[in-house]
Amino acid sequence: MERVIIFIDNSNIFKGFRKYDIKADYEKLKNIITKGRKLHGIFLYEGVVYPMSPEKKKWYKNLSEKSGYMIKTSFDKIALNDAFEKKIDIKIAIDVISLAYENAYDTAVLVSGDGDFVPVIKKLKELDKNVEVWAFRYSLANALKEELKQENLYYLDDILSRIKM
C-alpha cells in the first residue's frame, strides 16, 4: 500500500480559506488527501506570533490529539516581514527531504502553492519519490505547475464544500 506523508504550509493555505470565507475541517482535509492510502504522518507548519492565543493553543491541541497532526511552529515576538514565512518554508523543506532519505514515504503531499518548493520537488524526483501538490488555483505558483504533471496537482478550491465545518 502506498505510504504518504502530508506537509501542510498552514500560513499559505489559511489565506485561501479566509479569501473564500470558510472555516476548514482539518480532519476532513486529511481524509480527502489520504484517499485510502496509508498515512505515515501529517505535519502542520505555521509561524506563530508570541504570545499565542488560548484559542490557537486549543486548536493545536485538538489537531494533535484527535487527528494525529504533528504541529511545527516557528515562534517570533512580532511578525515583521517575509522572514517569518521563510523560516517555515525551510522547516518544511528539511522535513520533506530528510524523511525522503529515511524512506519514510512513497508520496510526499505538499499542501502549499509556494514556488519556493520547486527545488524540493526536483530533489524528490531525483530520489524517485512521488509528489502531490494541493493548493488554491489563485496561489499556485507557475513554477510548481511546470515542475509537476497535471495528475499530481490538486486544487483546494474543488473540495471547499467537502471540507467546510
N, C-alpha and C. Protein backbone atom coordinates (compact mmCIF):
# COMPACT_ATOMS: atom_id res chain seq x y z
N MET A 1 0.84 -1.19 0.00
CA MET A 1 0.00 0.00 0.00
C MET A 1 0.89 1.25 0.00
N GLU A 2 0.49 2.22 -0.79
CA GLU A 2 1.26 3.46 -0.91
C GLU A 2 1.28 4.21 0.43
N ARG A 3 2.49 4.59 0.84
CA ARG A 3 2.68 5.34 2.10
C ARG A 3 2.79 6.83 1.79
N VAL A 4 1.99 7.63 2.48
CA VAL A 4 2.03 9.08 2.26
C VAL A 4 2.32 9.82 3.56
N ILE A 5 3.00 10.94 3.40
CA ILE A 5 3.14 11.91 4.50
C ILE A 5 2.67 13.25 3.93
N ILE A 6 1.84 13.93 4.71
CA ILE A 6 1.27 15.22 4.30
C ILE A 6 2.00 16.34 5.04
N PHE A 7 2.41 17.35 4.27
CA PHE A 7 3.12 18.51 4.81
C PHE A 7 2.27 19.75 4.49
N ILE A 8 1.69 20.36 5.51
CA ILE A 8 0.78 21.50 5.30
C ILE A 8 1.45 22.80 5.70
N ASP A 9 1.57 23.69 4.73
CA ASP A 9 2.06 25.05 4.98
C ASP A 9 0.82 25.87 5.34
N ASN A 10 0.47 25.86 6.63
CA ASN A 10 -0.79 26.46 7.04
C ASN A 10 -0.84 27.96 6.80
N SER A 11 0.29 28.63 6.91
CA SER A 11 0.32 30.07 6.65
C SER A 11 -0.11 30.34 5.22
N ASN A 12 0.26 29.42 4.31
CA ASN A 12 -0.08 29.56 2.90
C ASN A 12 -1.56 29.30 2.64
N ILE A 13 -2.08 28.20 3.13
CA ILE A 13 -3.47 27.85 2.78
C ILE A 13 -4.51 28.59 3.61
N PHE A 14 -4.13 29.04 4.81
CA PHE A 14 -5.09 29.76 5.65
C PHE A 14 -5.58 31.02 4.95
N LYS A 15 -4.69 31.67 4.20
CA LYS A 15 -5.08 32.88 3.44
C LYS A 15 -6.20 32.55 2.46
N GLY A 16 -6.12 31.38 1.85
CA GLY A 16 -7.15 30.95 0.90
C GLY A 16 -8.48 30.69 1.59
N PHE A 17 -8.41 30.04 2.75
CA PHE A 17 -9.64 29.79 3.49
C PHE A 17 -10.30 31.11 3.87
N ARG A 18 -9.47 32.09 4.24
CA ARG A 18 -10.00 33.41 4.59
C ARG A 18 -10.60 34.09 3.36
N LYS A 19 -9.89 33.99 2.23
CA LYS A 19 -10.36 34.60 0.98
C LYS A 19 -11.74 34.07 0.61
N TYR A 20 -11.94 32.76 0.76
CA TYR A 20 -13.23 32.15 0.41
C TYR A 20 -14.19 32.10 1.59
N ASP A 21 -13.78 32.70 2.70
CA ASP A 21 -14.61 32.84 3.89
C ASP A 21 -15.16 31.50 4.38
N ILE A 22 -14.24 30.53 4.53
CA ILE A 22 -14.67 29.26 5.10
C ILE A 22 -13.77 28.88 6.27
N LYS A 23 -14.36 28.15 7.20
CA LYS A 23 -13.59 27.51 8.26
C LYS A 23 -13.42 26.07 7.81
N ALA A 24 -12.18 25.64 7.69
CA ALA A 24 -11.91 24.30 7.19
C ALA A 24 -11.85 23.29 8.32
N ASP A 25 -12.37 22.11 8.05
CA ASP A 25 -12.29 20.98 8.97
C ASP A 25 -11.03 20.20 8.55
N TYR A 26 -9.99 20.27 9.36
CA TYR A 26 -8.70 19.68 9.00
C TYR A 26 -8.71 18.15 9.05
N GLU A 27 -9.66 17.57 9.77
CA GLU A 27 -9.82 16.12 9.76
C GLU A 27 -10.36 15.68 8.38
N LYS A 28 -11.35 16.40 7.89
CA LYS A 28 -11.90 16.10 6.55
C LYS A 28 -10.83 16.31 5.48
N LEU A 29 -10.06 17.39 5.61
CA LEU A 29 -8.98 17.67 4.65
C LEU A 29 -7.99 16.50 4.62
N LYS A 30 -7.59 16.04 5.79
CA LYS A 30 -6.66 14.91 5.90
C LYS A 30 -7.23 13.67 5.20
N ASN A 31 -8.49 13.36 5.44
CA ASN A 31 -9.11 12.17 4.86
C ASN A 31 -9.22 12.25 3.34
N ILE A 32 -9.57 13.42 2.82
CA ILE A 32 -9.69 13.60 1.37
C ILE A 32 -8.32 13.44 0.71
N ILE A 33 -7.30 14.04 1.29
CA ILE A 33 -5.95 13.95 0.71
C ILE A 33 -5.42 12.52 0.78
N THR A 34 -5.66 11.85 1.89
CA THR A 34 -5.13 10.49 2.07
C THR A 34 -5.75 9.50 1.08
N LYS A 35 -7.03 9.66 0.80
CA LYS A 35 -7.73 8.83 -0.20
C LYS A 35 -7.44 7.33 -0.08
N GLY A 36 -7.58 6.76 1.09
CA GLY A 36 -7.42 5.32 1.23
C GLY A 36 -5.98 4.81 1.21
N ARG A 37 -5.03 5.71 1.14
CA ARG A 37 -3.62 5.31 1.20
C ARG A 37 -3.20 5.22 2.67
N LYS A 38 -2.03 4.69 2.92
CA LYS A 38 -1.53 4.54 4.29
C LYS A 38 -0.86 5.85 4.73
N LEU A 39 -1.48 6.53 5.69
CA LEU A 39 -0.94 7.79 6.19
C LEU A 39 0.16 7.51 7.20
N HIS A 40 1.38 7.95 6.88
CA HIS A 40 2.53 7.73 7.76
C HIS A 40 2.90 8.97 8.56
N GLY A 41 2.13 10.03 8.39
CA GLY A 41 2.37 11.24 9.17
C GLY A 41 1.71 12.43 8.52
N ILE A 42 1.33 13.38 9.36
CA ILE A 42 0.77 14.64 8.86
C ILE A 42 1.34 15.76 9.72
N PHE A 43 1.97 16.70 9.05
CA PHE A 43 2.64 17.82 9.71
C PHE A 43 1.98 19.13 9.32
N LEU A 44 1.75 19.98 10.30
CA LEU A 44 1.20 21.31 10.05
C LEU A 44 2.24 22.33 10.51
N TYR A 45 2.64 23.20 9.59
CA TYR A 45 3.68 24.20 9.86
C TYR A 45 3.04 25.58 9.87
N GLU A 46 3.45 26.39 10.86
CA GLU A 46 2.88 27.73 10.93
C GLU A 46 3.78 28.64 11.73
N GLY A 47 3.89 29.86 11.27
CA GLY A 47 4.57 30.90 12.03
C GLY A 47 3.57 31.43 13.05
N VAL A 48 3.99 31.54 14.30
CA VAL A 48 3.09 31.97 15.36
C VAL A 48 3.66 33.19 16.05
N VAL A 49 2.81 34.19 16.22
CA VAL A 49 3.21 35.40 16.93
C VAL A 49 3.07 35.14 18.42
N TYR A 50 4.10 35.53 19.15
CA TYR A 50 4.13 35.35 20.60
C TYR A 50 3.50 36.56 21.26
N PRO A 51 2.69 36.43 22.30
CA PRO A 51 2.23 35.18 22.88
C PRO A 51 1.09 34.56 22.07
N MET A 52 0.98 33.23 22.12
CA MET A 52 -0.05 32.53 21.37
C MET A 52 -1.38 32.64 22.12
N SER A 53 -2.45 32.83 21.36
CA SER A 53 -3.78 32.95 21.97
C SER A 53 -4.23 31.60 22.53
N PRO A 54 -5.09 31.64 23.56
CA PRO A 54 -5.63 30.39 24.12
C PRO A 54 -6.41 29.59 23.06
N GLU A 55 -7.10 30.30 22.15
CA GLU A 55 -7.85 29.62 21.08
C GLU A 55 -6.91 28.83 20.18
N LYS A 56 -5.78 29.45 19.83
CA LYS A 56 -4.80 28.80 18.95
C LYS A 56 -4.21 27.57 19.65
N LYS A 57 -3.88 27.72 20.93
CA LYS A 57 -3.34 26.58 21.71
C LYS A 57 -4.33 25.42 21.71
N LYS A 58 -5.61 25.74 21.93
CA LYS A 58 -6.66 24.71 21.98
C LYS A 58 -6.78 24.03 20.60
N TRP A 59 -6.75 24.83 19.53
CA TRP A 59 -6.87 24.29 18.17
C TRP A 59 -5.72 23.32 17.89
N TYR A 60 -4.49 23.72 18.22
CA TYR A 60 -3.33 22.84 18.03
C TYR A 60 -3.48 21.55 18.83
N LYS A 61 -3.91 21.68 20.08
CA LYS A 61 -4.07 20.51 20.95
C LYS A 61 -5.09 19.54 20.36
N ASN A 62 -6.22 20.06 19.87
CA ASN A 62 -7.24 19.22 19.26
C ASN A 62 -6.73 18.54 18.00
N LEU A 63 -6.04 19.30 17.14
CA LEU A 63 -5.49 18.72 15.90
C LEU A 63 -4.53 17.59 16.23
N SER A 64 -3.72 17.82 17.23
CA SER A 64 -2.71 16.85 17.63
C SER A 64 -3.34 15.60 18.25
N GLU A 65 -4.19 15.80 19.24
CA GLU A 65 -4.75 14.68 19.99
C GLU A 65 -5.84 13.91 19.23
N LYS A 66 -6.69 14.64 18.50
CA LYS A 66 -7.83 13.98 17.84
C LYS A 66 -7.52 13.52 16.42
N SER A 67 -6.64 14.24 15.73
CA SER A 67 -6.42 13.93 14.31
C SER A 67 -5.00 13.49 13.98
N GLY A 68 -4.13 13.43 14.99
CA GLY A 68 -2.78 12.93 14.76
C GLY A 68 -1.82 13.88 14.08
N TYR A 69 -2.16 15.15 14.01
CA TYR A 69 -1.28 16.14 13.39
C TYR A 69 -0.06 16.37 14.27
N MET A 70 1.10 16.51 13.64
CA MET A 70 2.31 16.95 14.32
C MET A 70 2.39 18.45 14.03
N ILE A 71 2.36 19.26 15.06
CA ILE A 71 2.38 20.71 14.88
C ILE A 71 3.82 21.21 14.95
N LYS A 72 4.22 21.96 13.91
CA LYS A 72 5.57 22.51 13.86
C LYS A 72 5.45 24.03 13.70
N THR A 73 5.71 24.73 14.78
CA THR A 73 5.57 26.18 14.74
C THR A 73 6.93 26.87 14.77
N SER A 74 6.90 28.10 14.30
CA SER A 74 8.07 28.95 14.41
C SER A 74 7.60 30.18 15.17
N PHE A 75 8.17 30.38 16.34
CA PHE A 75 7.73 31.49 17.19
C PHE A 75 8.55 32.74 16.93
N ASP A 76 7.89 33.86 17.00
CA ASP A 76 8.55 35.14 16.88
C ASP A 76 7.81 36.10 17.80
N LYS A 77 8.53 37.06 18.36
CA LYS A 77 7.85 38.02 19.22
C LYS A 77 6.88 38.87 18.41
N ILE A 78 7.32 39.26 17.22
CA ILE A 78 6.44 40.02 16.32
C ILE A 78 6.71 39.57 14.89
N ALA A 79 5.68 39.56 14.09
CA ALA A 79 5.83 39.18 12.68
C ALA A 79 6.18 40.44 11.90
N LEU A 80 7.43 40.55 11.49
CA LEU A 80 7.88 41.77 10.83
C LEU A 80 7.70 41.71 9.31
N ASN A 81 8.07 40.58 8.71
CA ASN A 81 8.07 40.51 7.25
C ASN A 81 8.07 39.07 6.78
N ASP A 82 8.56 38.87 5.56
CA ASP A 82 8.58 37.53 4.98
C ASP A 82 9.58 36.59 5.65
N ALA A 83 10.44 37.10 6.51
CA ALA A 83 11.42 36.24 7.19
C ALA A 83 10.68 35.14 7.97
N PHE A 84 9.53 35.51 8.49
CA PHE A 84 8.68 34.58 9.22
C PHE A 84 8.29 33.41 8.33
N GLU A 85 7.81 33.73 7.12
CA GLU A 85 7.39 32.72 6.14
C GLU A 85 8.57 31.84 5.73
N LYS A 86 9.71 32.44 5.53
CA LYS A 86 10.87 31.68 5.06
C LYS A 86 11.32 30.65 6.09
N LYS A 87 11.23 30.98 7.37
CA LYS A 87 11.59 30.02 8.41
C LYS A 87 10.74 28.76 8.28
N ILE A 88 9.46 28.95 8.02
CA ILE A 88 8.53 27.83 7.88
C ILE A 88 8.87 27.02 6.63
N ASP A 89 9.11 27.70 5.51
CA ASP A 89 9.46 27.01 4.26
C ASP A 89 10.71 26.14 4.46
N ILE A 90 11.67 26.66 5.17
CA ILE A 90 12.91 25.91 5.42
C ILE A 90 12.63 24.68 6.28
N LYS A 91 11.81 24.84 7.32
CA LYS A 91 11.45 23.69 8.16
C LYS A 91 10.76 22.60 7.33
N ILE A 92 9.84 23.02 6.48
CA ILE A 92 9.12 22.06 5.63
C ILE A 92 10.11 21.35 4.71
N ALA A 93 10.96 22.13 4.04
CA ALA A 93 11.92 21.55 3.09
C ALA A 93 12.83 20.53 3.78
N ILE A 94 13.32 20.86 4.95
CA ILE A 94 14.21 19.94 5.69
C ILE A 94 13.48 18.64 6.02
N ASP A 95 12.25 18.75 6.51
CA ASP A 95 11.49 17.55 6.87
C ASP A 95 11.17 16.70 5.65
N VAL A 96 10.73 17.32 4.57
CA VAL A 96 10.37 16.58 3.35
C VAL A 96 11.58 15.80 2.83
N ILE A 97 12.72 16.46 2.74
CA ILE A 97 13.93 15.83 2.20
C ILE A 97 14.48 14.78 3.18
N SER A 98 14.55 15.12 4.46
CA SER A 98 15.07 14.17 5.45
C SER A 98 14.25 12.89 5.47
N LEU A 99 12.94 13.02 5.48
CA LEU A 99 12.07 11.85 5.52
C LEU A 99 12.14 11.05 4.22
N ALA A 100 12.43 11.74 3.11
CA ALA A 100 12.62 11.03 1.84
C ALA A 100 13.88 10.16 1.93
N TYR A 101 14.96 10.72 2.45
CA TYR A 101 16.20 9.95 2.61
C TYR A 101 16.03 8.79 3.58
N GLU A 102 15.15 8.95 4.56
CA GLU A 102 14.87 7.88 5.52
C GLU A 102 13.88 6.86 4.96
N ASN A 103 13.41 7.09 3.72
CA ASN A 103 12.43 6.24 3.06
C ASN A 103 11.16 6.08 3.92
N ALA A 104 10.72 7.16 4.52
CA ALA A 104 9.55 7.15 5.40
C ALA A 104 8.23 7.17 4.62
N TYR A 105 8.30 7.47 3.32
CA TYR A 105 7.09 7.56 2.50
C TYR A 105 7.39 7.24 1.04
N ASP A 106 6.30 6.95 0.32
CA ASP A 106 6.38 6.80 -1.14
C ASP A 106 5.98 8.11 -1.82
N THR A 107 4.99 8.79 -1.21
CA THR A 107 4.48 10.03 -1.78
C THR A 107 4.49 11.14 -0.73
N ALA A 108 5.08 12.26 -1.10
CA ALA A 108 5.02 13.46 -0.27
C ALA A 108 3.87 14.30 -0.79
N VAL A 109 2.99 14.71 0.11
CA VAL A 109 1.88 15.58 -0.27
C VAL A 109 2.16 16.94 0.34
N LEU A 110 2.41 17.90 -0.52
CA LEU A 110 2.71 19.27 -0.09
C LEU A 110 1.45 20.11 -0.26
N VAL A 111 0.95 20.63 0.84
CA VAL A 111 -0.24 21.47 0.80
C VAL A 111 0.23 22.92 0.88
N SER A 112 0.54 23.46 -0.30
CA SER A 112 1.05 24.82 -0.44
C SER A 112 1.23 25.12 -1.92
N GLY A 113 1.01 26.35 -2.30
CA GLY A 113 1.22 26.73 -3.69
C GLY A 113 2.50 27.52 -3.89
N ASP A 114 3.35 27.53 -2.88
CA ASP A 114 4.55 28.36 -2.85
C ASP A 114 5.64 27.86 -3.82
N GLY A 115 6.04 28.70 -4.73
CA GLY A 115 7.07 28.37 -5.72
C GLY A 115 8.44 28.10 -5.12
N ASP A 116 8.66 28.49 -3.86
CA ASP A 116 9.94 28.22 -3.19
C ASP A 116 10.20 26.72 -3.05
N PHE A 117 9.17 25.90 -3.23
CA PHE A 117 9.33 24.46 -3.05
C PHE A 117 9.78 23.73 -4.32
N VAL A 118 10.00 24.43 -5.42
CA VAL A 118 10.44 23.78 -6.66
C VAL A 118 11.73 22.98 -6.46
N PRO A 119 12.78 23.51 -5.80
CA PRO A 119 13.99 22.70 -5.60
C PRO A 119 13.73 21.44 -4.78
N VAL A 120 12.81 21.50 -3.84
CA VAL A 120 12.45 20.33 -3.03
C VAL A 120 11.82 19.27 -3.93
N ILE A 121 10.91 19.70 -4.79
CA ILE A 121 10.23 18.77 -5.70
C ILE A 121 11.23 18.14 -6.66
N LYS A 122 12.16 18.94 -7.16
CA LYS A 122 13.20 18.39 -8.06
C LYS A 122 14.02 17.32 -7.34
N LYS A 123 14.38 17.57 -6.10
CA LYS A 123 15.16 16.62 -5.32
C LYS A 123 14.36 15.34 -5.08
N LEU A 124 13.08 15.46 -4.77
CA LEU A 124 12.25 14.28 -4.55
C LEU A 124 12.15 13.42 -5.81
N LYS A 125 12.07 14.07 -6.96
CA LYS A 125 12.05 13.32 -8.22
C LYS A 125 13.35 12.54 -8.41
N GLU A 126 14.47 13.18 -8.09
CA GLU A 126 15.78 12.50 -8.17
C GLU A 126 15.81 11.28 -7.26
N LEU A 127 15.12 11.36 -6.12
CA LEU A 127 15.08 10.28 -5.15
C LEU A 127 13.97 9.26 -5.45
N ASP A 128 13.33 9.41 -6.62
CA ASP A 128 12.23 8.53 -7.04
C ASP A 128 11.05 8.52 -6.08
N LYS A 129 10.76 9.67 -5.53
CA LYS A 129 9.58 9.81 -4.68
C LYS A 129 8.46 10.48 -5.49
N ASN A 130 7.24 10.08 -5.21
CA ASN A 130 6.09 10.75 -5.83
C ASN A 130 5.81 12.03 -5.06
N VAL A 131 5.28 13.02 -5.77
CA VAL A 131 4.95 14.29 -5.13
C VAL A 131 3.58 14.75 -5.62
N GLU A 132 2.75 15.16 -4.67
CA GLU A 132 1.48 15.81 -5.00
C GLU A 132 1.51 17.19 -4.38
N VAL A 133 0.89 18.12 -5.07
CA VAL A 133 0.72 19.47 -4.52
C VAL A 133 -0.78 19.76 -4.48
N TRP A 134 -1.23 20.21 -3.33
CA TRP A 134 -2.60 20.66 -3.14
C TRP A 134 -2.52 22.15 -2.83
N ALA A 135 -3.22 22.97 -3.62
CA ALA A 135 -3.15 24.42 -3.43
C ALA A 135 -4.40 25.08 -4.00
N PHE A 136 -4.55 26.34 -3.72
CA PHE A 136 -5.61 27.13 -4.34
C PHE A 136 -5.15 27.55 -5.72
N ARG A 137 -6.07 27.56 -6.67
CA ARG A 137 -5.73 27.95 -8.06
C ARG A 137 -5.04 29.32 -8.10
N TYR A 138 -5.61 30.29 -7.35
CA TYR A 138 -5.08 31.65 -7.42
C TYR A 138 -3.67 31.77 -6.85
N SER A 139 -3.28 30.84 -5.97
CA SER A 139 -1.98 30.99 -5.31
C SER A 139 -0.96 29.92 -5.73
N LEU A 140 -1.30 29.10 -6.70
CA LEU A 140 -0.37 28.06 -7.16
C LEU A 140 0.66 28.69 -8.09
N ALA A 141 1.91 28.66 -7.69
CA ALA A 141 2.99 29.25 -8.48
C ALA A 141 3.14 28.52 -9.81
N ASN A 142 3.33 29.29 -10.87
CA ASN A 142 3.53 28.70 -12.20
C ASN A 142 4.71 27.74 -12.21
N ALA A 143 5.75 28.06 -11.44
CA ALA A 143 6.94 27.20 -11.39
C ALA A 143 6.58 25.81 -10.88
N LEU A 144 5.63 25.72 -9.94
CA LEU A 144 5.19 24.42 -9.44
C LEU A 144 4.40 23.68 -10.52
N LYS A 145 3.53 24.40 -11.22
CA LYS A 145 2.75 23.80 -12.30
C LYS A 145 3.67 23.20 -13.35
N GLU A 146 4.73 23.94 -13.68
CA GLU A 146 5.67 23.48 -14.71
C GLU A 146 6.47 22.27 -14.25
N GLU A 147 6.71 22.17 -12.97
CA GLU A 147 7.54 21.09 -12.43
C GLU A 147 6.76 19.78 -12.28
N LEU A 148 5.45 19.88 -12.09
CA LEU A 148 4.64 18.68 -11.84
C LEU A 148 3.71 18.38 -13.00
N LYS A 149 3.39 17.10 -13.14
CA LYS A 149 2.38 16.69 -14.12
C LYS A 149 1.02 17.10 -13.58
N GLN A 150 0.09 17.33 -14.49
CA GLN A 150 -1.27 17.74 -14.10
C GLN A 150 -1.91 16.77 -13.11
N GLU A 151 -1.64 15.47 -13.26
CA GLU A 151 -2.28 14.49 -12.37
C GLU A 151 -1.71 14.53 -10.95
N ASN A 152 -0.66 15.30 -10.74
CA ASN A 152 -0.09 15.46 -9.40
C ASN A 152 -0.47 16.79 -8.76
N LEU A 153 -1.33 17.54 -9.43
CA LEU A 153 -1.80 18.82 -8.91
C LEU A 153 -3.27 18.71 -8.51
N TYR A 154 -3.58 19.17 -7.33
CA TYR A 154 -4.95 19.12 -6.83
C TYR A 154 -5.30 20.51 -6.31
N TYR A 155 -6.56 20.89 -6.52
CA TYR A 155 -6.98 22.23 -6.15
C TYR A 155 -7.92 22.21 -4.95
N LEU A 156 -7.52 22.93 -3.91
CA LEU A 156 -8.34 23.04 -2.71
C LEU A 156 -9.70 23.68 -3.05
N ASP A 157 -9.72 24.53 -4.07
CA ASP A 157 -10.97 25.17 -4.50
C ASP A 157 -12.04 24.11 -4.78
N ASP A 158 -11.61 22.97 -5.35
CA ASP A 158 -12.54 21.91 -5.78
C ASP A 158 -13.12 21.11 -4.61
N ILE A 159 -12.54 21.23 -3.43
CA ILE A 159 -13.03 20.43 -2.29
C ILE A 159 -13.56 21.30 -1.15
N LEU A 160 -13.66 22.60 -1.37
CA LEU A 160 -14.09 23.50 -0.29
C LEU A 160 -15.41 23.07 0.35
N SER A 161 -16.39 22.68 -0.49
CA SER A 161 -17.69 22.30 0.06
C SER A 161 -17.58 21.02 0.90
N ARG A 162 -16.57 20.18 0.63
CA ARG A 162 -16.42 18.93 1.36
C ARG A 162 -15.60 19.08 2.65
N ILE A 163 -14.87 20.19 2.79
CA ILE A 163 -14.05 20.37 3.99
C ILE A 163 -14.54 21.49 4.91
N LYS A 164 -15.66 22.08 4.54
CA LYS A 164 -16.25 23.14 5.39
C LYS A 164 -16.68 22.57 6.73
N MET A 165 -16.53 23.39 7.76
CA MET A 165 -17.02 22.97 9.10
C MET A 165 -18.51 23.20 9.16
